[in-house]
Amino acid sequence: MRNAVLATLALTVTTVATVAGSSPAAAYDYPYCLQGRTIGIPGDCSYSSYGQCMASASGRGLYCNVNPRFAYGQQRRMRVYRDY
């Protein structure tokens, strides 16, 4: 009985340490997106060069375009002043 409790405790501690230690992957917007009828817009935006994108689009009836999130970036917000 004692061994079962210790095994359960060890498994719980290991699970908590694994979940607490993992961090989400960083999102990165690449400059080119593969687009087409079957993929949609913005499409598959995982290409760092136009040549990579065009090589992937070759023979598939797809095309490459600039990633709108990369082109326009994150818009800056205006600072809001409060009335006190």
Foldseek 3Di string as FASTA:
>chain_A
DVVVVVVVVVVVVVVVCVVVPDDDDDDDFAFKAKDDDVAHPPGHRDDNDLVVNVVVCPPVRIHMDTRPCVVVPDDDDDDDDDDD
